Amino acid sequence: MNYYHMWVNLRDSSQDLAWSKAVHNYLEYLRTRGLIENWTLARRKFGFSPDALHEFHVTVMAKDLAQFDAAFSHVAVRDGEVEQLHRPVYAMVTDFKSALYRDFPDSVRHGA
C-alpha cells in the first residue's frame, strides 16, 4: 500500500465542519471510482504535534503508484464534477505539506 500524507491548516478554522464535508465528498468520489483505495481525516488533539505539522492530517491510500497516477491524472483535468468537488477542499487550505510513504517491507523486497 502507498500512503499520500497531507498536513494542512485552514484559512478560517470556523469552517472546519464545512471543510471536512468537502474532503469527504471529494475523496469518496475518487474512492468509489477505484482511483484510491481509502482515506482518513484526522485533527491534531490538544495541540500535540511537531511544529512542522499542521492542524489537519489527511491520508490517501492507493494499492500502487499506478493507481495514484490514475487519480492524479483524473484530477489534473480541473474540469467538471471533479473540479467542483476539489475546489472547496483546496480553497479553504493553507500551509500545505505532503509526503509519500509505502508499506515496509513491501512485496517487492527480497530478504537476504
PDB file of N, CA and C in Angstrom:
ATOM      1  N   MET A   1       0.842  -1.173   0.000  1.00  0.00           N
ATOM      2  CA  MET A   1       0.000   0.000   0.000  1.00  0.00           C
ATOM      3  C   MET A   1       0.888   1.238   0.000  1.00  0.00           C
ATOM      4  N   ASN A   2       0.448   2.272  -0.688  1.00  0.00           N
ATOM      5  CA  ASN A   2       1.127   3.560  -0.708  1.00  0.00           C
ATOM      6  C   ASN A   2       0.233   4.576  -0.001  1.00  0.00           C
ATOM      7  N   TYR A   3       0.860   5.487   0.734  1.00  0.00           N
ATOM      8  CA  TYR A   3       0.131   6.449   1.549  1.00  0.00           C
ATOM      9  C   TYR A   3       0.582   7.861   1.192  1.00  0.00           C
ATOM     10  N   TYR A   4      -0.359   8.674   0.766  1.00  0.00           N
ATOM     11  CA  TYR A   4      -0.092  10.074   0.486  1.00  0.00           C
ATOM     12  C   TYR A   4      -0.597  10.858   1.691  1.00  0.00           C
ATOM     13  N   HIS A   5       0.333  11.405   2.465  1.00  0.00           N
ATOM     14  CA  HIS A   5       0.001  12.150   3.674  1.00  0.00           C
ATOM     15  C   HIS A   5      -0.004  13.635   3.362  1.00  0.00           C
ATOM     16  N   MET A   6      -1.020  14.326   3.865  1.00  0.00           N
ATOM     17  CA  MET A   6      -1.103  15.771   3.711  1.00  0.00           C
ATOM     18  C   MET A   6      -1.416  16.390   5.070  1.00  0.00           C
ATOM     19  N   TRP A   7      -0.689  17.432   5.417  1.00  0.00           N
ATOM     20  CA  TRP A   7      -0.940  18.184   6.630  1.00  0.00           C
ATOM     21  C   TRP A   7      -1.288  19.601   6.211  1.00  0.00           C
ATOM     22  N   VAL A   8      -2.377  20.137   6.763  1.00  0.00           N
ATOM     23  CA  VAL A   8      -2.829  21.472   6.381  1.00  0.00           C
ATOM     24  C   VAL A   8      -3.402  22.206   7.591  1.00  0.00           C
ATOM     25  N   ASN A   9      -3.439  23.508   7.457  1.00  0.00           N
ATOM     26  CA  ASN A   9      -4.236  24.364   8.321  1.00  0.00           C
ATOM     27  C   ASN A   9      -5.378  24.902   7.476  1.00  0.00           C
ATOM     28  N   LEU A  10      -6.399  25.386   8.130  1.00  0.00           N
ATOM     29  CA  LEU A  10      -7.500  26.030   7.417  1.00  0.00           C
ATOM     30  C   LEU A  10      -7.332  27.537   7.472  1.00  0.00           C
ATOM     31  N   ARG A  11      -7.709  28.198   6.386  1.00  0.00           N
ATOM     32  CA  ARG A  11      -7.672  29.663   6.354  1.00  0.00           C
ATOM     33  C   ARG A  11      -8.590  30.240   7.430  1.00  0.00           C
ATOM     34  N   ASP A  12      -9.715  29.581   7.651  1.00  0.00           N
ATOM     35  CA  ASP A  12     -10.711  30.012   8.641  1.00  0.00           C
ATOM     36  C   ASP A  12     -11.138  28.779   9.431  1.00  0.00           C
ATOM     37  N   SER A  13     -10.634  28.650  10.651  1.00  0.00           N
ATOM     38  CA  SER A  13     -10.900  27.433  11.432  1.00  0.00           C
ATOM     39  C   SER A  13     -12.374  27.269  11.790  1.00  0.00           C
ATOM     40  N   SER A  14     -13.172  28.330  11.669  1.00  0.00           N
ATOM     41  CA  SER A  14     -14.602  28.176  11.939  1.00  0.00           C
ATOM     42  C   SER A  14     -15.304  27.377  10.843  1.00  0.00           C
ATOM     43  N   GLN A  15     -14.603  27.127   9.746  1.00  0.00           N
ATOM     44  CA  GLN A  15     -15.150  26.355   8.628  1.00  0.00           C
ATOM     45  C   GLN A  15     -14.731  24.882   8.683  1.00  0.00           C
ATOM     46  N   ASP A  16     -14.316  24.405   9.855  1.00  0.00           N
ATOM     47  CA  ASP A  16     -13.796  23.044   9.978  1.00  0.00           C
ATOM     48  C   ASP A  16     -14.788  21.977   9.531  1.00  0.00           C
ATOM     49  N   LEU A  17     -16.051  22.104   9.908  1.00  0.00           N
ATOM     50  CA  LEU A  17     -17.035  21.087   9.511  1.00  0.00           C
ATOM     51  C   LEU A  17     -17.365  21.167   8.023  1.00  0.00           C
ATOM     52  N   ALA A  18     -17.434  22.358   7.484  1.00  0.00           N
ATOM     53  CA  ALA A  18     -17.666  22.504   6.036  1.00  0.00           C
ATOM     54  C   ALA A  18     -16.508  21.903   5.257  1.00  0.00           C
ATOM     55  N   TRP A  19     -15.285  22.133   5.729  1.00  0.00           N
ATOM     56  CA  TRP A  19     -14.118  21.585   5.044  1.00  0.00           C
ATOM     57  C   TRP A  19     -14.097  20.054   5.150  1.00  0.00           C
ATOM     58  N   SER A  20     -14.403  19.517   6.325  1.00  0.00           N
ATOM     59  CA  SER A  20     -14.384  18.055   6.456  1.00  0.00           C
ATOM     60  C   SER A  20     -15.437  17.417   5.551  1.00  0.00           C
ATOM     61  N   LYS A  21     -16.574  18.063   5.378  1.00  0.00           N
ATOM     62  CA  LYS A  21     -17.603  17.566   4.449  1.00  0.00           C
ATOM     63  C   LYS A  21     -17.089  17.622   3.015  1.00  0.00           C
ATOM     64  N   ALA A  22     -16.398  18.696   2.656  1.00  0.00           N
ATOM     65  CA  ALA A  22     -15.836  18.819   1.305  1.00  0.00           C
ATOM     66  C   ALA A  22     -14.782  17.744   1.057  1.00  0.00           C
ATOM     67  N   VAL A  23     -13.924  17.482   2.052  1.00  0.00           N
ATOM     68  CA  VAL A  23     -12.915  16.417   1.931  1.00  0.00           C
ATOM     69  C   VAL A  23     -13.611  15.076   1.726  1.00  0.00           C
ATOM     70  N   HIS A  24     -14.634  14.809   2.524  1.00  0.00           N
ATOM     71  CA  HIS A  24     -15.385  13.560   2.406  1.00  0.00           C
ATOM     72  C   HIS A  24     -15.959  13.413   0.990  1.00  0.00           C
ATOM     73  N   ASN A  25     -16.642  14.436   0.514  1.00  0.00           N
ATOM     74  CA  ASN A  25     -17.264  14.367  -0.814  1.00  0.00           C
ATOM     75  C   ASN A  25     -16.231  14.124  -1.913  1.00  0.00           C
ATOM     76  N   TYR A  26     -15.116  14.824  -1.839  1.00  0.00           N
ATOM     77  CA  TYR A  26     -14.067  14.720  -2.851  1.00  0.00           C
ATOM     78  C   TYR A  26     -13.387  13.349  -2.833  1.00  0.00           C
ATOM     79  N   LEU A  27     -12.959  12.917  -1.659  1.00  0.00           N
ATOM     80  CA  LEU A  27     -12.216  11.649  -1.598  1.00  0.00           C
ATOM     81  C   LEU A  27     -13.122  10.444  -1.786  1.00  0.00           C
ATOM     82  N   GLU A  28     -14.363  10.540  -1.378  1.00  0.00           N
ATOM     83  CA  GLU A  28     -15.301   9.449  -1.666  1.00  0.00           C
ATOM     84  C   GLU A  28     -15.581   9.356  -3.170  1.00  0.00           C
ATOM     85  N   TYR A  29     -15.623  10.478  -3.843  1.00  0.00           N
ATOM     86  CA  TYR A  29     -15.753  10.486  -5.303  1.00  0.00           C
ATOM     87  C   TYR A  29     -14.618   9.673  -5.928  1.00  0.00           C
ATOM     88  N   LEU A  30     -13.389   9.914  -5.475  1.00  0.00           N
ATOM     89  CA  LEU A  30     -12.233   9.170  -6.006  1.00  0.00           C
ATOM     90  C   LEU A  30     -12.286   7.696  -5.600  1.00  0.00           C
ATOM     91  N   ARG A  31     -12.652   7.424  -4.346  1.00  0.00           N
ATOM     92  CA  ARG A  31     -12.680   6.038  -3.861  1.00  0.00           C
ATOM     93  C   ARG A  31     -13.724   5.207  -4.601  1.00  0.00           C
ATOM     94  N   THR A  32     -14.915   5.748  -4.768  1.00  0.00           N
ATOM     95  CA  THR A  32     -15.982   4.969  -5.402  1.00  0.00           C
ATOM     96  C   THR A  32     -15.709   4.709  -6.883  1.00  0.00           C
ATOM     97  N   ARG A  33     -14.790   5.440  -7.458  1.00  0.00           N
ATOM     98  CA  ARG A  33     -14.395   5.220  -8.858  1.00  0.00           C
ATOM     99  C   ARG A  33     -13.134   4.365  -8.982  1.00  0.00           C
ATOM    100  N   GLY A  34     -12.657   3.839  -7.853  1.00  0.00           N
ATOM    101  CA  GLY A  34     -11.487   2.976  -7.853  1.00  0.00           C
ATOM    102  C   GLY A  34     -10.179   3.704  -8.072  1.00  0.00           C
ATOM    103  N   LEU A  35     -10.182   5.025  -7.911  1.00  0.00           N
ATOM    104  CA  LEU A  35      -8.964   5.810  -8.132  1.00  0.00           C
ATOM    105  C   LEU A  35      -8.080   5.867  -6.900  1.00  0.00           C
ATOM    106  N   ILE A  36      -8.658   5.587  -5.732  1.00  0.00           N
ATOM    107  CA  ILE A  36      -7.907   5.405  -4.492  1.00  0.00           C
ATOM    108  C   ILE A  36      -8.552   4.244  -3.747  1.00  0.00           C
ATOM    109  N   GLU A  37      -7.820   3.668  -2.811  1.00  0.00           N
ATOM    110  CA  GLU A  37      -8.351   2.554  -2.022  1.00  0.00           C
ATOM    111  C   GLU A  37      -9.159   3.038  -0.824  1.00  0.00           C
ATOM    112  N   ASN A  38      -8.620   4.041  -0.140  1.00  0.00           N
ATOM    113  CA  ASN A  38      -9.279   4.533   1.058  1.00  0.00           C
ATOM    114  C   ASN A  38      -8.641   5.853   1.463  1.00  0.00           C
ATOM    115  N   TRP A  39      -9.150   6.447   2.540  1.00  0.00           N
ATOM    116  CA  TRP A  39      -8.615   7.713   3.022  1.00  0.00           C
ATOM    117  C   TRP A  39      -9.022   7.901   4.479  1.00  0.00           C
ATOM    118  N   THR A  40      -8.317   8.777   5.176  1.00  0.00           N
ATOM    119  CA  THR A  40      -8.673   9.159   6.534  1.00  0.00           C
ATOM    120  C   THR A  40      -8.460  10.657   6.699  1.00  0.00           C
ATOM    121  N   LEU A  41      -9.197  11.230   7.636  1.00  0.00           N
ATOM    122  CA  LEU A  41      -9.029  12.632   8.018  1.00  0.00           C
ATOM    123  C   LEU A  41      -8.921  12.668   9.531  1.00  0.00           C
ATOM    124  N   ALA A  42      -7.881  13.317  10.036  1.00  0.00           N
ATOM    125  CA  ALA A  42      -7.681  13.433  11.478  1.00  0.00           C
ATOM    126  C   ALA A  42      -7.339  14.881  11.820  1.00  0.00           C
ATOM    127  N   ARG A  43      -7.651  15.240  13.051  1.00  0.00           N
ATOM    128  CA  ARG A  43      -7.338  16.577  13.541  1.00  0.00           C
ATOM    129  C   ARG A  43      -6.424  16.463  14.749  1.00  0.00           C
ATOM    130  N   ARG A  44      -5.435  17.332  14.797  1.00  0.00           N
ATOM    131  CA  ARG A  44      -4.499  17.358  15.917  1.00  0.00           C
ATOM    132  C   ARG A  44      -5.281  17.513  17.217  1.00  0.00           C
ATOM    133  N   LYS A  45      -4.832  16.817  18.241  1.00  0.00           N
ATOM    134  CA  LYS A  45      -5.534  16.835  19.532  1.00  0.00           C
ATOM    135  C   LYS A  45      -4.682  17.566  20.567  1.00  0.00           C
ATOM    136  N   PHE A  46      -5.301  18.459  21.294  1.00  0.00           N
ATOM    137  CA  PHE A  46      -4.648  19.218  22.359  1.00  0.00           C
ATOM    138  C   PHE A  46      -3.406  19.973  21.894  1.00  0.00           C
ATOM    139  N   GLY A  47      -3.298  20.240  20.599  1.00  0.00           N
ATOM    140  CA  GLY A  47      -2.151  20.970  20.080  1.00  0.00           C
ATOM    141  C   GLY A  47      -0.876  20.157  19.992  1.00  0.00           C
ATOM    142  N   PHE A  48      -0.980  18.825  20.182  1.00  0.00           N
ATOM    143  CA  PHE A  48       0.215  17.984  20.181  1.00  0.00           C
ATOM    144  C   PHE A  48       0.605  17.598  18.756  1.00  0.00           C
ATOM    145  N   SER A  49       1.749  18.062  18.329  1.00  0.00           N
ATOM    146  CA  SER A  49       2.385  17.630  17.078  1.00  0.00           C
ATOM    147  C   SER A  49       3.685  18.402  16.939  1.00  0.00           C
ATOM    148  N   PRO A  50       4.585  17.919  16.117  1.00  0.00           N
ATOM    149  CA  PRO A  50       5.780  18.714  15.835  1.00  0.00           C
ATOM    150  C   PRO A  50       5.373  20.041  15.185  1.00  0.00           C
ATOM    151  N   ASP A  51       6.169  21.077  15.384  1.00  0.00           N
ATOM    152  CA  ASP A  51       5.855  22.393  14.825  1.00  0.00           C
ATOM    153  C   ASP A  51       5.656  22.363  13.318  1.00  0.00           C
ATOM    154  N   ALA A  52       6.358  21.481  12.641  1.00  0.00           N
ATOM    155  CA  ALA A  52       6.302  21.442  11.172  1.00  0.00           C
ATOM    156  C   ALA A  52       4.989  20.864  10.643  1.00  0.00           C
ATOM    157  N   LEU A  53       4.249  20.169  11.499  1.00  0.00           N
ATOM    158  CA  LEU A  53       2.987  19.592  11.054  1.00  0.00           C
ATOM    159  C   LEU A  53       1.840  20.510  11.451  1.00  0.00           C
ATOM    160  N   HIS A  54       0.705  20.332  10.805  1.00  0.00           N
ATOM    161  CA  HIS A  54      -0.375  21.285  10.962  1.00  0.00           C
ATOM    162  C   HIS A  54      -1.601  20.663  11.624  1.00  0.00           C
ATOM    163  N   GLU A  55      -2.665  21.421  11.685  1.00  0.00           N
ATOM    164  CA  GLU A  55      -3.874  21.057  12.421  1.00  0.00           C
ATOM    165  C   GLU A  55      -4.545  19.788  11.902  1.00  0.00           C
ATOM    166  N   PHE A  56      -4.631  19.649  10.582  1.00  0.00           N
ATOM    167  CA  PHE A  56      -5.340  18.519   9.982  1.00  0.00           C
ATOM    168  C   PHE A  56      -4.374  17.611   9.228  1.00  0.00           C
ATOM    169  N   HIS A  57      -4.681  16.313   9.261  1.00  0.00           N
ATOM    170  CA  HIS A  57      -3.864  15.298   8.587  1.00  0.00           C
ATOM    171  C   HIS A  57      -4.796  14.428   7.748  1.00  0.00           C
ATOM    172  N   VAL A  58      -4.571  14.448   6.448  1.00  0.00           N
ATOM    173  CA  VAL A  58      -5.331  13.620   5.512  1.00  0.00           C
ATOM    174  C   VAL A  58      -4.386  12.550   4.989  1.00  0.00           C
ATOM    175  N   THR A  59      -4.830  11.306   5.000  1.00  0.00           N
ATOM    176  CA  THR A  59      -4.059  10.210   4.416  1.00  0.00           C
ATOM    177  C   THR A  59      -4.900   9.580   3.317  1.00  0.00           C
ATOM    178  N   VAL A  60      -4.301   9.481   2.135  1.00  0.00           N
ATOM    179  CA  VAL A  60      -4.952   8.834   0.994  1.00  0.00           C
ATOM    180  C   VAL A  60      -4.161   7.581   0.677  1.00  0.00           C
ATOM    181  N   MET A  61      -4.847   6.452   0.546  1.00  0.00           N
ATOM    182  CA  MET A  61      -4.190   5.173   0.309  1.00  0.00           C
ATOM    183  C   MET A  61      -4.464   4.679  -1.106  1.00  0.00           C
ATOM    184  N   ALA A  62      -3.420   4.153  -1.726  1.00  0.00           N
ATOM    185  CA  ALA A  62      -3.536   3.547  -3.053  1.00  0.00           C
ATOM    186  C   ALA A  62      -2.735   2.260  -3.052  1.00  0.00           C
ATOM    187  N   LYS A  63      -3.202   1.292  -3.849  1.00  0.00           N
ATOM    188  CA  LYS A  63      -2.515  -0.005  -3.850  1.00  0.00           C
ATOM    189  C   LYS A  63      -1.129   0.071  -4.466  1.00  0.00           C
ATOM    190  N   ASP A  64      -0.934   1.017  -5.402  1.00  0.00           N
ATOM    191  CA  ASP A  64       0.371   1.179  -6.036  1.00  0.00           C
ATOM    192  C   ASP A  64       0.454   2.563  -6.665  1.00  0.00           C
ATOM    193  N   LEU A  65       1.625   2.896  -7.184  1.00  0.00           N
ATOM    194  CA  LEU A  65       1.807   4.220  -7.785  1.00  0.00           C
ATOM    195  C   LEU A  65       1.002   4.388  -9.068  1.00  0.00           C
ATOM    196  N   ALA A  66       0.697   3.310  -9.744  1.00  0.00           N
ATOM    197  CA  ALA A  66      -0.128   3.393 -10.950  1.00  0.00           C
ATOM    198  C   ALA A  66      -1.527   3.891 -10.595  1.00  0.00           C
ATOM    199  N   GLN A  67      -2.064   3.417  -9.474  1.00  0.00           N
ATOM    200  CA  GLN A  67      -3.380   3.884  -9.046  1.00  0.00           C
ATOM    201  C   GLN A  67      -3.318   5.373  -8.671  1.00  0.00           C
ATOM    202  N   PHE A  68      -2.265   5.784  -7.962  1.00  0.00           N
ATOM    203  CA  PHE A  68      -2.109   7.202  -7.647  1.00  0.00           C
ATOM    204  C   PHE A  68      -1.987   8.027  -8.922  1.00  0.00           C
ATOM    205  N   ASP A  69      -1.219   7.532  -9.872  1.00  0.00           N
ATOM    206  CA  ASP A  69      -1.046   8.254 -11.136  1.00  0.00           C
ATOM    207  C   ASP A  69      -2.384   8.420 -11.853  1.00  0.00           C
ATOM    208  N   ALA A  70      -3.193   7.382 -11.849  1.00  0.00           N
ATOM    209  CA  ALA A  70      -4.523   7.471 -12.467  1.00  0.00           C
ATOM    210  C   ALA A  70      -5.385   8.498 -11.740  1.00  0.00           C
ATOM    211  N   ALA A  71      -5.311   8.521 -10.416  1.00  0.00           N
ATOM    212  CA  ALA A  71      -6.081   9.502  -9.641  1.00  0.00           C
ATOM    213  C   ALA A  71      -5.610  10.919  -9.950  1.00  0.00           C
ATOM    214  N   PHE A  72      -4.309  11.133  -9.946  1.00  0.00           N
ATOM    215  CA  PHE A  72      -3.790  12.465 -10.235  1.00  0.00           C
ATOM    216  C   PHE A  72      -4.125  12.894 -11.659  1.00  0.00           C
ATOM    217  N   SER A  73      -4.055  11.980 -12.607  1.00  0.00           N
ATOM    218  CA  SER A  73      -4.418  12.306 -13.991  1.00  0.00           C
ATOM    219  C   SER A  73      -5.891  12.687 -14.095  1.00  0.00           C
ATOM    220  N   HIS A  74      -6.732  11.992 -13.362  1.00  0.00           N
ATOM    221  CA  HIS A  74      -8.166  12.285 -13.374  1.00  0.00           C
ATOM    222  C   HIS A  74      -8.443  13.671 -12.782  1.00  0.00           C
ATOM    223  N   VAL A  75      -7.779  13.979 -11.700  1.00  0.00           N
ATOM    224  CA  VAL A  75      -7.980  15.250 -11.008  1.00  0.00           C
ATOM    225  C   VAL A  75      -7.343  16.407 -11.776  1.00  0.00           C
ATOM    226  N   ALA A  76      -6.255  16.160 -12.465  1.00  0.00           N
ATOM    227  CA  ALA A  76      -5.499  17.222 -13.137  1.00  0.00           C
ATOM    228  C   ALA A  76      -6.275  17.921 -14.249  1.00  0.00           C
ATOM    229  N   VAL A  77      -7.341  17.311 -14.756  1.00  0.00           N
ATOM    230  CA  VAL A  77      -8.115  17.965 -15.815  1.00  0.00           C
ATOM    231  C   VAL A  77      -8.774  19.245 -15.302  1.00  0.00           C
ATOM    232  N   ARG A  78      -9.009  19.328 -13.980  1.00  0.00           N
ATOM    233  CA  ARG A  78      -9.590  20.519 -13.337  1.00  0.00           C
ATOM    234  C   ARG A  78     -10.822  21.013 -14.072  1.00  0.00           C
ATOM    235  N   ASP A  79     -11.722  20.072 -14.320  1.00  0.00           N
ATOM    236  CA  ASP A  79     -12.932  20.383 -15.061  1.00  0.00           C
ATOM    237  C   ASP A  79     -14.072  19.513 -14.528  1.00  0.00           C
ATOM    238  N   GLY A  80     -15.276  19.957 -14.757  1.00  0.00           N
ATOM    239  CA  GLY A  80     -16.443  19.147 -14.457  1.00  0.00           C
ATOM    240  C   GLY A  80     -16.622  18.866 -12.984  1.00  0.00           C
ATOM    241  N   GLU A  81     -17.214  17.702 -12.710  1.00  0.00           N
ATOM    242  CA  GLU A  81     -17.572  17.331 -11.344  1.00  0.00           C
ATOM    243  C   GLU A  81     -16.366  17.245 -10.420  1.00  0.00           C
ATOM    244  N   VAL A  82     -15.270  16.699 -10.905  1.00  0.00           N
ATOM    245  CA  VAL A  82     -14.101  16.537 -10.042  1.00  0.00           C
ATOM    246  C   VAL A  82     -13.575  17.896  -9.588  1.00  0.00           C
ATOM    247  N   GLU A  83     -13.612  18.897 -10.438  1.00  0.00           N
ATOM    248  CA  GLU A  83     -13.157  20.227 -10.037  1.00  0.00           C
ATOM    249  C   GLU A  83     -14.134  20.873  -9.063  1.00  0.00           C
ATOM    250  N   GLN A  84     -15.417  20.651  -9.256  1.00  0.00           N
ATOM    251  CA  GLN A  84     -16.412  21.183  -8.318  1.00  0.00           C
ATOM    252  C   GLN A  84     -16.230  20.589  -6.924  1.00  0.00           C
ATOM    253  N   LEU A  85     -15.784  19.344  -6.858  1.00  0.00           N
ATOM    254  CA  LEU A  85     -15.534  18.694  -5.569  1.00  0.00           C
ATOM    255  C   LEU A  85     -14.188  19.100  -4.981  1.00  0.00           C
ATOM    256  N   HIS A  86     -13.195  19.301  -5.825  1.00  0.00           N
ATOM    257  CA  HIS A  86     -11.845  19.626  -5.370  1.00  0.00           C
ATOM    258  C   HIS A  86     -11.721  21.083  -4.913  1.00  0.00           C
ATOM    259  N   ARG A  87     -12.366  21.982  -5.613  1.00  0.00           N
ATOM    260  CA  ARG A  87     -12.229  23.421  -5.338  1.00  0.00           C
ATOM    261  C   ARG A  87     -12.492  23.791  -3.876  1.00  0.00           C
ATOM    262  N   PRO A  88     -13.599  23.359  -3.263  1.00  0.00           N
ATOM    263  CA  PRO A  88     -13.812  23.769  -1.871  1.00  0.00           C
ATOM    264  C   PRO A  88     -12.793  23.171  -0.905  1.00  0.00           C
ATOM    265  N   VAL A  89     -12.164  22.069  -1.262  1.00  0.00           N
ATOM    266  CA  VAL A  89     -11.141  21.481  -0.402  1.00  0.00           C
ATOM    267  C   VAL A  89      -9.908  22.376  -0.392  1.00  0.00           C
ATOM    268  N   TYR A  90      -9.344  22.655  -1.569  1.00  0.00           N
ATOM    269  CA  TYR A  90      -8.100  23.421  -1.584  1.00  0.00           C
ATOM    270  C   TYR A  90      -8.323  24.902  -1.320  1.00  0.00           C
ATOM    271  N   ALA A  91      -9.514  25.427  -1.577  1.00  0.00           N
ATOM    272  CA  ALA A  91      -9.774  26.848  -1.355  1.00  0.00           C
ATOM    273  C   ALA A  91      -9.747  27.214   0.130  1.00  0.00           C
ATOM    274  N   MET A  92      -9.994  26.246   1.002  1.00  0.00           N
ATOM    275  CA  MET A  92     -10.042  26.521   2.442  1.00  0.00           C
ATOM    276  C   MET A  92      -8.717  26.237   3.142  1.00  0.00           C
ATOM    277  N   VAL A  93      -7.713  25.787   2.394  1.00  0.00           N
ATOM    278  CA  VAL A  93      -6.479  25.274   2.987  1.00  0.00           C
ATOM    279  C   VAL A  93      -5.336  26.275   2.854  1.00  0.00           C
ATOM    280  N   THR A  94      -4.490  26.260   3.864  1.00  0.00           N
ATOM    281  CA  THR A  94      -3.223  26.976   3.815  1.00  0.00           C
ATOM    282  C   THR A  94      -2.153  26.086   4.449  1.00  0.00           C
ATOM    283  N   ASP A  95      -0.893  26.444   4.294  1.00  0.00           N
ATOM    284  CA  ASP A  95       0.224  25.719   4.934  1.00  0.00           C
ATOM    285  C   ASP A  95       0.253  24.239   4.567  1.00  0.00           C
ATOM    286  N   PHE A  96       0.132  23.924   3.299  1.00  0.00           N
ATOM    287  CA  PHE A  96       0.102  22.538   2.819  1.00  0.00           C
ATOM    288  C   PHE A  96       1.484  21.894   2.887  1.00  0.00           C
ATOM    289  N   LYS A  97       1.541  20.698   3.414  1.00  0.00           N
ATOM    290  CA  LYS A  97       2.749  19.846   3.388  1.00  0.00           C
ATOM    291  C   LYS A  97       2.304  18.449   3.014  1.00  0.00           C
ATOM    292  N   SER A  98       3.173  17.710   2.314  1.00  0.00           N
ATOM    293  CA  SER A  98       2.794  16.355   1.938  1.00  0.00           C
ATOM    294  C   SER A  98       4.001  15.431   1.961  1.00  0.00           C
ATOM    295  N   ALA A  99       3.694  14.136   1.978  1.00  0.00           N
ATOM    296  CA  ALA A  99       4.726  13.102   1.950  1.00  0.00           C
ATOM    297  C   ALA A  99       4.109  11.840   1.362  1.00  0.00           C
ATOM    298  N   LEU A 100       4.959  11.024   0.756  1.00  0.00           N
ATOM    299  CA  LEU A 100       4.526   9.755   0.181  1.00  0.00           C
ATOM    300  C   LEU A 100       5.284   8.629   0.877  1.00  0.00           C
ATOM    301  N   TYR A 101       4.539   7.687   1.427  1.00  0.00           N
ATOM    302  CA  TYR A 101       5.114   6.542   2.136  1.00  0.00           C
ATOM    303  C   TYR A 101       4.586   5.249   1.527  1.00  0.00           C
ATOM    304  N   ARG A 102       5.232   4.143   1.872  1.00  0.00           N
ATOM    305  CA  ARG A 102       4.791   2.819   1.432  1.00  0.00           C
ATOM    306  C   ARG A 102       4.908   1.850   2.594  1.00  0.00           C
ATOM    307  N   ASP A 103       4.158   0.761   2.494  1.00  0.00           N
ATOM    308  CA  ASP A 103       4.329  -0.306   3.483  1.00  0.00           C
ATOM    309  C   ASP A 103       5.758  -0.813   3.410  1.00  0.00           C
ATOM    310  N   PHE A 104       6.281  -1.243   4.536  1.00  0.00           N
ATOM    311  CA  PHE A 104       7.631  -1.786   4.563  1.00  0.00           C
ATOM    312  C   PHE A 104       7.706  -2.895   5.591  1.00  0.00           C
ATOM    313  N   PRO A 105       8.354  -4.004   5.272  1.00  0.00           N
ATOM    314  CA  PRO A 105       8.852  -4.315   3.928  1.00  0.00           C
ATOM    315  C   PRO A 105       7.691  -4.607   2.983  1.00  0.00           C
ATOM    316  N   ASP A 106       7.856  -4.208   1.764  1.00  0.00           N
ATOM    317  CA  ASP A 106       6.787  -4.409   0.790  1.00  0.00           C
ATOM    318  C   ASP A 106       7.019  -5.687   0.001  1.00  0.00           C
ATOM    319  N   SER A 107       6.074  -6.025  -0.845  1.00  0.00           N
ATOM    320  CA  SER A 107       6.092  -7.311  -1.552  1.00  0.00           C
ATOM    321  C   SER A 107       7.241  -7.444  -2.538  1.00  0.00           C
ATOM    322  N   VAL A 108       7.843  -6.343  -2.966  1.00  0.00           N
ATOM    323  CA  VAL A 108       8.944  -6.436  -3.932  1.00  0.00           C
ATOM    324  C   VAL A 108      10.288  -6.587  -3.266  1.00  0.00           C
ATOM    325  N   ARG A 109      10.338  -6.462  -1.934  1.00  0.00           N
ATOM    326  CA  ARG A 109      11.590  -6.556  -1.218  1.00  0.00           C
ATOM    327  C   ARG A 109      11.928  -8.002  -0.945  1.00  0.00           C
ATOM    328  N   HIS A 110      13.135  -8.420  -1.347  1.00  0.00           N
ATOM    329  CA  HIS A 110      13.599  -9.783  -1.104  1.00  0.00           C
ATOM    330  C   HIS A 110      14.541  -9.782   0.089  1.00  0.00           C
ATOM    331  N   GLY A 111      14.311 -10.690   1.007  1.00  0.00           N
ATOM    332  CA  GLY A 111      15.169 -10.788   2.184  1.00  0.00           C
ATOM    333  C   GLY A 111      16.527 -11.370   1.839  1.00  0.00           C
ATOM    334  N   ALA A 112      17.477 -11.126   2.700  1.00  0.00           N
ATOM    335  CA  ALA A 112      18.844 -11.630   2.485  1.00  0.00           C
ATOM    336  C   ALA A 112      18.969 -13.057   2.938  1.00  0.00           C
TER     337      ALA A 112
END
